[in-house]
Amino acid sequence: MKIWIPIGLVVILAFSLLAMQTMQAPNYGAKYNSDVILYSTSWCPNCAQTRAFLSASGIPYKDFDIEQSSTAYQEHKSLGGRGVPVLLVKGVVIQGYNPKAIQRAYSGS
């Protein structure tokens, strides 16, 4: 009987994490009239790679430095940001530099 308690906790934790991953992201895209929002810093090399990728792909975006704007910092945190870059692409949150995920979210496939 004691073995079911830890297994039950694992199942509850797994469902909680799944629910967190599928939560609807705040609608910052509408707030800024942009399909792509980038939360970044000026010194981050992955942020620079993300900017270069977006520009080279012809994807318009809004870029907010989380160290320069308290609003950007709060939005970054509300999206589950633990580092930079964090992108919000058509409602999909992408953590880190991930060109394939950006393309997939932007194209809707």
C-alpha atoms as a PDB file:
ATOM      1  CA  MET A   1       0.000   0.000   0.000  1.00  0.00           C
ATOM      2  CA  LYS A   2       2.872   2.406   0.756  1.00  0.00           C
ATOM      3  CA  ILE A   3       4.203   2.131  -2.813  1.00  0.00           C
ATOM      4  CA  TRP A   4       1.015   3.707  -4.238  1.00  0.00           C
ATOM      5  CA  ILE A   5       1.569   7.008  -2.438  1.00  0.00           C
ATOM      6  CA  PRO A   6       4.773   7.922  -4.360  1.00  0.00           C
ATOM      7  CA  ILE A   7       3.335   6.649  -7.648  1.00  0.00           C
ATOM      8  CA  GLY A   8       0.195   8.720  -7.068  1.00  0.00           C
ATOM      9  CA  LEU A   9       2.303  11.801  -6.423  1.00  0.00           C
ATOM     10  CA  VAL A  10       4.265  11.192  -9.621  1.00  0.00           C
ATOM     11  CA  VAL A  11       1.045  10.899 -11.628  1.00  0.00           C
ATOM     12  CA  ILE A  12      -0.346  14.101 -10.117  1.00  0.00           C
ATOM     13  CA  LEU A  13       2.915  15.921 -10.811  1.00  0.00           C
ATOM     14  CA  ALA A  14       2.987  14.666 -14.401  1.00  0.00           C
ATOM     15  CA  PHE A  15      -0.564  15.893 -15.057  1.00  0.00           C
ATOM     16  CA  SER A  16       0.242  19.234 -13.419  1.00  0.00           C
ATOM     17  CA  LEU A  17       3.282  19.707 -15.660  1.00  0.00           C
ATOM     18  CA  LEU A  18       1.254  18.768 -18.743  1.00  0.00           C
ATOM     19  CA  ALA A  19      -1.401  21.317 -17.819  1.00  0.00           C
ATOM     20  CA  MET A  20       1.267  24.002 -17.374  1.00  0.00           C
ATOM     21  CA  GLN A  21       2.761  23.261 -20.803  1.00  0.00           C
ATOM     22  CA  THR A  22      -0.581  23.565 -22.554  1.00  0.00           C
ATOM     23  CA  MET A  23      -1.690  26.741 -20.780  1.00  0.00           C
ATOM     24  CA  GLN A  24      -2.690  29.561 -23.068  1.00  0.00           C
ATOM     25  CA  ALA A  25       0.043  32.184 -23.160  1.00  0.00           C
ATOM     26  CA  PRO A  26      -0.933  35.773 -22.401  1.00  0.00           C
ATOM     27  CA  ASN A  27      -1.925  37.641 -25.561  1.00  0.00           C
ATOM     28  CA  TYR A  28       1.049  40.007 -25.729  1.00  0.00           C
ATOM     29  CA  GLY A  29       1.043  39.693 -29.527  1.00  0.00           C
ATOM     30  CA  ALA A  30      -2.235  41.606 -29.695  1.00  0.00           C
ATOM     31  CA  LYS A  31      -0.964  44.122 -27.149  1.00  0.00           C
ATOM     32  CA  TYR A  32       2.025  44.948 -29.367  1.00  0.00           C
ATOM     33  CA  ASN A  33       0.320  44.220 -32.709  1.00  0.00           C
ATOM     34  CA  SER A  34       2.932  41.601 -33.604  1.00  0.00           C
ATOM     35  CA  ASP A  35       2.916  37.850 -34.251  1.00  0.00           C
ATOM     36  CA  VAL A  36       6.429  37.513 -32.806  1.00  0.00           C
ATOM     37  CA  ILE A  37       7.669  38.991 -29.529  1.00  0.00           C
ATOM     38  CA  LEU A  38      11.303  38.476 -28.500  1.00  0.00           C
ATOM     39  CA  TYR A  39      12.351  38.909 -24.864  1.00  0.00           C
ATOM     40  CA  SER A  40      16.102  39.329 -24.807  1.00  0.00           C
ATOM     41  CA  THR A  41      19.151  41.130 -23.436  1.00  0.00           C
ATOM     42  CA  SER A  42      21.771  43.149 -25.270  1.00  0.00           C
ATOM     43  CA  TRP A  43      24.697  40.881 -24.299  1.00  0.00           C
ATOM     44  CA  CYS A  44      23.145  37.458 -25.026  1.00  0.00           C
ATOM     45  CA  PRO A  45      24.719  35.613 -28.009  1.00  0.00           C
ATOM     46  CA  ASN A  46      21.640  33.380 -28.454  1.00  0.00           C
ATOM     47  CA  CYS A  47      19.480  36.510 -28.557  1.00  0.00           C
ATOM     48  CA  ALA A  48      21.720  37.899 -31.320  1.00  0.00           C
ATOM     49  CA  GLN A  49      21.385  34.602 -33.227  1.00  0.00           C
ATOM     50  CA  THR A  50      17.613  34.753 -32.835  1.00  0.00           C
ATOM     51  CA  ARG A  51      17.485  38.342 -34.126  1.00  0.00           C
ATOM     52  CA  ALA A  52      19.657  37.383 -37.101  1.00  0.00           C
ATOM     53  CA  PHE A  53      17.498  34.347 -37.866  1.00  0.00           C
ATOM     54  CA  LEU A  54      14.246  36.330 -37.680  1.00  0.00           C
ATOM     55  CA  SER A  55      15.641  39.083 -39.891  1.00  0.00           C
ATOM     56  CA  ALA A  56      17.124  36.672 -42.442  1.00  0.00           C
ATOM     57  CA  SER A  57      13.811  34.775 -42.559  1.00  0.00           C
ATOM     58  CA  GLY A  58      11.838  37.956 -43.129  1.00  0.00           C
ATOM     59  CA  ILE A  59       9.846  37.437 -39.941  1.00  0.00           C
ATOM     60  CA  PRO A  60       8.787  40.767 -38.391  1.00  0.00           C
ATOM     61  CA  TYR A  61       9.147  40.907 -34.614  1.00  0.00           C
ATOM     62  CA  LYS A  62       9.153  43.191 -31.585  1.00  0.00           C
ATOM     63  CA  ASP A  63      12.249  42.967 -29.382  1.00  0.00           C
ATOM     64  CA  PHE A  64      12.120  43.868 -25.691  1.00  0.00           C
ATOM     65  CA  ASP A  65      15.196  43.965 -23.444  1.00  0.00           C
ATOM     66  CA  ILE A  66      14.200  42.484 -20.092  1.00  0.00           C
ATOM     67  CA  GLU A  67      17.006  44.371 -18.336  1.00  0.00           C
ATOM     68  CA  GLN A  68      15.843  47.743 -19.660  1.00  0.00           C
ATOM     69  CA  SER A  69      12.080  47.391 -19.182  1.00  0.00           C
ATOM     70  CA  SER A  70      10.299  46.243 -16.041  1.00  0.00           C
ATOM     71  CA  THR A  71       7.200  45.522 -18.143  1.00  0.00           C
ATOM     72  CA  ALA A  72       9.228  43.284 -20.468  1.00  0.00           C
ATOM     73  CA  TYR A  73      10.775  41.561 -17.446  1.00  0.00           C
ATOM     74  CA  GLN A  74       7.331  40.833 -15.947  1.00  0.00           C
ATOM     75  CA  GLU A  75       5.983  39.561 -19.269  1.00  0.00           C
ATOM     76  CA  HIS A  76       9.077  37.362 -19.687  1.00  0.00           C
ATOM     77  CA  LYS A  77       8.478  35.862 -16.239  1.00  0.00           C
ATOM     78  CA  SER A  78       4.753  35.354 -16.922  1.00  0.00           C
ATOM     79  CA  LEU A  79       5.721  33.264 -19.959  1.00  0.00           C
ATOM     80  CA  GLY A  80       7.859  30.998 -17.782  1.00  0.00           C
ATOM     81  CA  GLY A  81      11.107  32.707 -18.745  1.00  0.00           C
ATOM     82  CA  ARG A  82      14.122  31.334 -16.922  1.00  0.00           C
ATOM     83  CA  GLY A  83      16.698  32.723 -19.313  1.00  0.00           C
ATOM     84  CA  VAL A  84      16.889  34.465 -22.654  1.00  0.00           C
ATOM     85  CA  PRO A  85      15.838  34.487 -25.344  1.00  0.00           C
ATOM     86  CA  VAL A  86      12.159  33.771 -24.858  1.00  0.00           C
ATOM     87  CA  LEU A  87       9.870  34.183 -27.841  1.00  0.00           C
ATOM     88  CA  LEU A  88       6.132  34.342 -28.142  1.00  0.00           C
ATOM     89  CA  VAL A  89       5.314  33.256 -31.699  1.00  0.00           C
ATOM     90  CA  LYS A  90       1.614  33.383 -32.528  1.00  0.00           C
ATOM     91  CA  GLY A  91       0.787  32.360 -28.964  1.00  0.00           C
ATOM     92  CA  VAL A  92       3.471  29.657 -28.706  1.00  0.00           C
ATOM     93  CA  VAL A  93       6.197  30.174 -26.097  1.00  0.00           C
ATOM     94  CA  ILE A  94       9.696  29.176 -27.251  1.00  0.00           C
ATOM     95  CA  GLN A  95      12.568  29.103 -24.771  1.00  0.00           C
ATOM     96  CA  GLY A  96      16.061  29.615 -26.199  1.00  0.00           C
ATOM     97  CA  TYR A  97      17.356  29.812 -29.753  1.00  0.00           C
ATOM     98  CA  ASN A  98      15.381  27.235 -31.726  1.00  0.00           C
ATOM     99  CA  PRO A  99      14.974  28.079 -35.441  1.00  0.00           C
ATOM    100  CA  LYS A 100      12.893  24.966 -36.220  1.00  0.00           C
ATOM    101  CA  ALA A 101      10.408  25.721 -33.441  1.00  0.00           C
ATOM    102  CA  ILE A 102      10.209  29.363 -34.527  1.00  0.00           C
ATOM    103  CA  GLN A 103       9.494  28.386 -38.152  1.00  0.00           C
ATOM    104  CA  ARG A 104       6.943  25.764 -37.086  1.00  0.00           C
ATOM    105  CA  ALA A 105       5.074  28.179 -34.814  1.00  0.00           C
ATOM    106  CA  TYR A 106       5.212  31.031 -37.307  1.00  0.00           C
ATOM    107  CA  SER A 107       3.988  28.954 -40.245  1.00  0.00           C
ATOM    108  CA  GLY A 108       1.367  27.203 -38.100  1.00  0.00           C
ATOM    109  CA  SER A 109       2.526  23.692 -38.953  1.00  0.00           C
END
